[in-house]
Amino acid sequence: MAAIQTKQALMEWIKRKLGAPVLKIEAETDQILDNIDDALQLFSRHSGDISNRMALVLVLSAGQNLYELDHSVESVVDFDNASDIGSSVTVLFSPINQMYNQGYLNFFSSSFGGGLTTFQMGMEYLELLSQTLEAKFAIDYNKYTHILKIEPTPQKTMVGVLEAWTKYTPGDTEKSMLYNEIWVKNYSLALTKITLGIIWGKFAGMTIPGGATLNAATMLQEGQAEKKALEEILISTEAEPLGFFVA
């Protein structure tokens, strides 16, 4: 069987596992798709395979302190303003320009006026100046609204870098090998069994064509048992520490 790469293909796989097309699956299409979405959401919450720590460029505008981020951003760890004290080569009396004039940073001769040790000390001095004299921006990110708040409000347009955790979630029509992940497949199937058990429970004792009787209790219990076992597997084998999500 070819790898499952779409949500539609995973839904058809679930139906076949439940007996289709020989048996009619009473669960609606939207119910099965909801179960797949729930499986993906839980998998993405615990699996480190689809969560990535990334550096994202953010342009700050003067007078604006609220910014909407991409919905893939789960949390923001830090914000670094790229326009720091030592980066402005257009300022005549900037610390880095003064260090060059004094021979500490001799770029044009491909050497350092005071040697590598002096250069290292100079860079540490620039970092100390940055930490001492610059006011750092405070950040507050709400992962439910995807709004990032910057304090204090920037007084000029500048470029910064966000250190953030992002997660990958495929779109409804996007091809992705995530749908072929064995845990996602089996958990979606278990949730659909629970859905069927609930539906069949409303028709207790009814005989379907061929003389068979719907056994809602067995289907419900089977789905719940598989769901619990899969959750334990996910937590014990693929879970990442959840503490890094500092939204």
Protein backbone atom coordinates (compact mmCIF):
# COMPACT_ATOMS: atom_id res chain seq x y z
CA MET A 1 0.00 0.00 0.00
CA ALA A 2 1.26 3.47 -0.91
CA ALA A 3 2.13 5.88 1.87
CA ILE A 4 -0.76 7.97 3.17
CA GLN A 5 -0.02 11.62 2.41
CA THR A 6 -3.39 13.41 2.64
CA LYS A 7 -6.18 13.77 5.19
CA GLN A 8 -8.64 12.29 2.70
CA ALA A 9 -6.46 9.21 2.21
CA LEU A 10 -6.17 8.73 5.98
CA MET A 11 -9.95 8.94 6.31
CA GLU A 12 -10.38 6.22 3.68
CA TRP A 13 -7.80 4.06 5.50
CA ILE A 14 -9.81 4.42 8.73
CA LYS A 15 -13.01 3.41 6.98
CA ARG A 16 -11.36 0.31 5.53
CA LYS A 17 -10.03 -0.65 8.95
CA LEU A 18 -13.59 -0.46 10.27
CA GLY A 19 -14.96 -2.71 7.53
CA ALA A 20 -15.81 -0.45 4.59
CA PRO A 21 -16.95 -0.93 1.91
CA VAL A 22 -18.44 -4.24 3.11
CA LEU A 23 -19.90 -2.49 6.14
CA LYS A 24 -21.44 0.97 6.18
CA ILE A 25 -19.57 3.28 8.54
CA GLU A 26 -22.13 5.40 10.35
CA ALA A 27 -19.64 8.13 11.30
CA GLU A 28 -19.99 11.26 9.17
CA THR A 29 -17.05 12.46 7.09
CA ASP A 30 -16.65 15.57 9.26
CA GLN A 31 -16.55 13.44 12.40
CA ILE A 32 -13.66 11.36 11.07
CA LEU A 33 -11.83 14.49 9.88
CA ASP A 34 -12.27 16.01 13.35
CA ASN A 35 -10.73 12.87 14.86
CA ILE A 36 -7.74 13.18 12.54
CA ASP A 37 -7.31 16.84 13.54
CA ASP A 38 -7.44 15.87 17.22
CA ALA A 39 -4.78 13.21 16.66
CA LEU A 40 -2.50 15.68 14.87
CA GLN A 41 -2.97 18.27 17.60
CA LEU A 42 -2.01 15.88 20.39
CA PHE A 43 0.92 14.48 18.40
CA SER A 44 2.25 17.96 17.71
CA ARG A 45 1.93 18.88 21.40
CA HIS A 46 4.17 16.03 22.53
CA SER A 47 6.40 15.11 19.61
CA GLY A 48 9.62 17.06 19.14
CA ASP A 49 9.83 15.95 15.51
CA ILE A 50 7.53 18.71 14.28
CA SER A 51 8.50 21.47 16.74
CA ASN A 52 11.45 23.66 15.82
CA ARG A 53 13.34 26.44 17.55
CA MET A 54 13.80 29.17 14.97
CA ALA A 55 15.06 32.72 14.51
CA LEU A 56 12.41 34.91 12.89
CA VAL A 57 13.04 38.41 11.57
CA LEU A 58 10.58 41.01 12.89
CA VAL A 59 10.39 44.59 11.63
CA LEU A 60 9.24 46.98 14.36
CA SER A 61 7.39 50.13 13.32
CA ALA A 62 7.57 53.42 15.18
CA GLY A 63 4.61 53.85 17.53
CA GLN A 64 3.39 50.26 17.18
CA ASN A 65 3.76 47.63 19.92
CA LEU A 66 1.33 44.88 18.83
CA TYR A 67 2.29 42.43 16.07
CA GLU A 68 0.41 39.41 14.75
CA LEU A 69 2.68 36.42 14.18
CA ASP A 70 2.20 33.39 11.97
CA HIS A 71 -0.13 30.78 13.45
CA SER A 72 2.69 28.22 13.42
CA VAL A 73 4.42 30.11 16.27
CA GLU A 74 3.77 28.29 19.56
CA SER A 75 5.85 30.46 21.86
CA VAL A 76 8.39 33.27 21.80
CA VAL A 77 11.52 32.82 23.91
CA ASP A 78 13.41 36.07 23.34
CA PHE A 79 13.67 39.17 21.19
CA ASP A 80 16.96 40.71 20.14
CA ASN A 81 17.06 44.20 18.70
CA ALA A 82 19.56 44.08 15.86
CA SER A 83 20.24 47.83 16.08
CA ASP A 84 22.51 47.60 19.12
CA ILE A 85 25.13 49.99 20.39
CA GLY A 86 28.00 48.58 18.38
CA SER A 87 26.29 47.97 15.07
CA SER A 88 25.90 51.49 13.73
CA VAL A 89 28.86 52.13 11.43
CA THR A 90 27.40 55.51 10.43
CA VAL A 91 27.84 57.01 13.92
CA LEU A 92 31.23 58.71 14.15
CA PHE A 93 31.62 58.26 17.90
CA SER A 94 30.18 54.78 18.24
CA PRO A 95 32.28 52.45 20.44
CA ILE A 96 33.21 50.19 17.53
CA ASN A 97 34.36 53.18 15.46
CA GLN A 98 36.45 54.49 18.35
CA MET A 99 38.04 51.05 18.80
CA TYR A 100 38.97 51.01 15.12
CA ASN A 101 40.52 54.51 15.31
CA GLN A 102 42.64 53.37 18.25
CA GLY A 103 43.96 50.38 16.34
CA TYR A 104 42.07 47.62 18.15
CA LEU A 105 40.16 46.57 15.04
CA ASN A 106 42.30 46.89 11.94
CA PHE A 107 39.98 45.48 9.30
CA PHE A 108 41.84 46.73 6.23
CA SER A 109 45.14 45.08 7.06
CA SER A 110 43.40 41.79 7.89
CA SER A 111 44.93 41.91 11.37
CA PHE A 112 44.01 43.13 14.79
CA GLY A 113 46.02 46.02 16.21
CA GLY A 114 46.27 44.57 19.68
CA GLY A 115 46.23 40.90 18.77
CA LEU A 116 43.48 38.32 19.10
CA THR A 117 43.32 38.68 22.88
CA THR A 118 42.76 42.43 22.65
CA PHE A 119 40.13 41.88 20.00
CA GLN A 120 38.28 39.42 22.24
CA MET A 121 38.43 41.85 25.15
CA GLY A 122 37.13 44.59 22.91
CA MET A 123 34.15 42.53 21.79
CA GLU A 124 33.36 41.69 25.40
CA TYR A 125 33.56 45.41 26.18
CA LEU A 126 31.00 46.14 23.44
CA GLU A 127 28.71 43.48 24.85
CA LEU A 128 29.03 45.00 28.33
CA LEU A 129 28.17 48.44 26.99
CA SER A 130 25.13 46.98 25.24
CA GLN A 131 23.92 45.30 28.42
CA THR A 132 24.58 48.36 30.56
CA LEU A 133 23.38 51.23 28.40
CA GLU A 134 20.60 49.73 26.31
CA ALA A 135 17.01 49.28 27.41
CA LYS A 136 15.92 45.79 26.39
CA PHE A 137 12.47 45.21 24.98
CA ALA A 138 10.08 43.12 27.05
CA ILE A 139 7.89 40.68 25.11
CA ASP A 140 4.55 39.05 25.83
CA TYR A 141 3.10 36.52 23.35
CA ASN A 142 -0.39 35.02 23.41
CA LYS A 143 -0.37 31.77 21.43
CA TYR A 144 -4.17 31.76 21.19
CA THR A 145 -4.50 35.18 19.54
CA HIS A 146 -0.98 35.00 17.98
CA ILE A 147 -0.37 38.59 19.10
CA LEU A 148 3.09 39.68 20.26
CA LYS A 149 3.29 42.73 22.53
CA ILE A 150 6.52 44.76 22.64
CA GLU A 151 7.29 47.07 25.56
CA PRO A 152 8.24 49.86 25.53
CA THR A 153 6.64 50.98 22.27
CA PRO A 154 9.38 51.44 19.62
CA GLN A 155 10.10 55.06 18.81
CA LYS A 156 11.65 54.31 15.44
CA THR A 157 11.50 51.62 12.76
CA MET A 158 14.01 48.86 13.42
CA VAL A 159 14.73 45.23 12.70
CA GLY A 160 14.92 42.55 15.37
CA VAL A 161 15.15 38.78 15.67
CA LEU A 162 12.62 36.63 17.50
CA GLU A 163 13.71 33.35 19.03
CA ALA A 164 10.58 31.24 18.83
CA TRP A 165 9.20 27.70 18.85
CA THR A 166 7.17 26.84 15.77
CA LYS A 167 5.18 23.74 14.93
CA TYR A 168 4.34 22.18 11.59
CA THR A 169 0.68 21.47 10.90
CA PRO A 170 -0.30 20.44 7.34
CA GLY A 171 -3.17 22.20 5.62
CA ASP A 172 -6.38 20.37 4.78
CA THR A 173 -5.34 19.77 1.16
CA GLU A 174 -1.57 19.63 1.67
CA LYS A 175 0.36 16.44 1.09
CA SER A 176 2.35 15.40 4.14
CA MET A 177 4.01 12.26 5.44
CA LEU A 178 2.70 13.25 8.87
CA TYR A 179 -0.56 11.52 7.89
CA ASN A 180 1.41 8.31 7.44
CA GLU A 181 2.82 8.45 10.98
CA ILE A 182 1.73 5.17 12.60
CA TRP A 183 0.73 6.84 15.87
CA VAL A 184 -1.43 9.44 14.11
CA LYS A 185 -3.13 6.72 12.05
CA ASN A 186 -3.90 4.46 14.99
CA TYR A 187 -5.01 7.28 17.30
CA SER A 188 -7.36 8.62 14.62
CA LEU A 189 -8.76 5.11 14.26
CA ALA A 190 -9.23 4.74 18.03
CA LEU A 191 -11.09 8.07 18.21
CA THR A 192 -13.35 7.00 15.35
CA LYS A 193 -14.14 3.74 17.16
CA ILE A 194 -15.23 5.81 20.16
CA THR A 195 -17.37 7.95 17.85
CA LEU A 196 -19.01 4.83 16.38
CA GLY A 197 -19.57 3.36 19.84
CA ILE A 198 -21.43 6.49 20.89
CA ILE A 199 -23.51 6.49 17.69
CA TRP A 200 -24.33 2.77 17.92
CA GLY A 201 -25.33 3.24 21.55
CA LYS A 202 -28.34 5.21 20.35
CA PHE A 203 -29.54 2.17 18.40
CA ALA A 204 -29.02 -0.50 21.07
CA GLY A 205 -30.52 -3.86 20.11
CA MET A 206 -31.09 -2.92 16.48
CA THR A 207 -30.34 -5.65 13.91
CA ILE A 208 -28.57 -4.55 10.74
CA PRO A 209 -29.01 -6.22 7.30
CA GLY A 210 -27.53 -9.73 7.40
CA GLY A 211 -28.74 -10.42 10.92
CA ALA A 212 -25.82 -8.85 12.82
CA THR A 213 -26.38 -6.75 15.94
CA LEU A 214 -24.56 -3.51 16.64
CA ASN A 215 -22.36 -3.98 19.69
CA ALA A 216 -21.87 -0.41 20.86
CA ALA A 217 -20.29 -1.30 24.20
CA THR A 218 -17.55 -3.44 22.65
CA MET A 219 -16.68 -0.82 20.02
CA LEU A 220 -16.62 1.96 22.63
CA GLN A 221 -14.45 0.00 25.08
CA GLU A 222 -12.06 -1.07 22.33
CA GLY A 223 -11.61 2.51 21.16
CA GLN A 224 -11.09 3.85 24.69
CA ALA A 225 -8.53 1.14 25.51
CA GLU A 226 -6.56 1.82 22.31
CA LYS A 227 -6.72 5.57 22.91
CA LYS A 228 -5.30 5.22 26.44
CA ALA A 229 -2.52 2.87 25.32
CA LEU A 230 -1.49 5.18 22.47
CA GLU A 231 -1.38 8.19 24.78
CA GLU A 232 0.91 6.32 27.16
CA ILE A 233 3.18 5.36 24.25
CA LEU A 234 3.34 8.96 23.04
CA ILE A 235 4.23 10.35 26.46
CA SER A 236 6.80 7.67 27.26
CA THR A 237 8.61 7.45 23.92
CA GLU A 238 8.19 10.71 22.01
CA ALA A 239 7.35 13.39 24.56
CA GLU A 240 9.58 16.43 24.85
CA PRO A 241 9.73 18.41 28.11
CA LEU A 242 6.78 20.76 27.96
CA GLY A 243 8.49 23.48 29.98
CA PHE A 244 10.08 25.17 26.96
CA PHE A 245 6.72 26.60 25.87
CA VAL A 246 7.06 29.93 27.67
CA ALA A 247 4.32 31.93 25.99
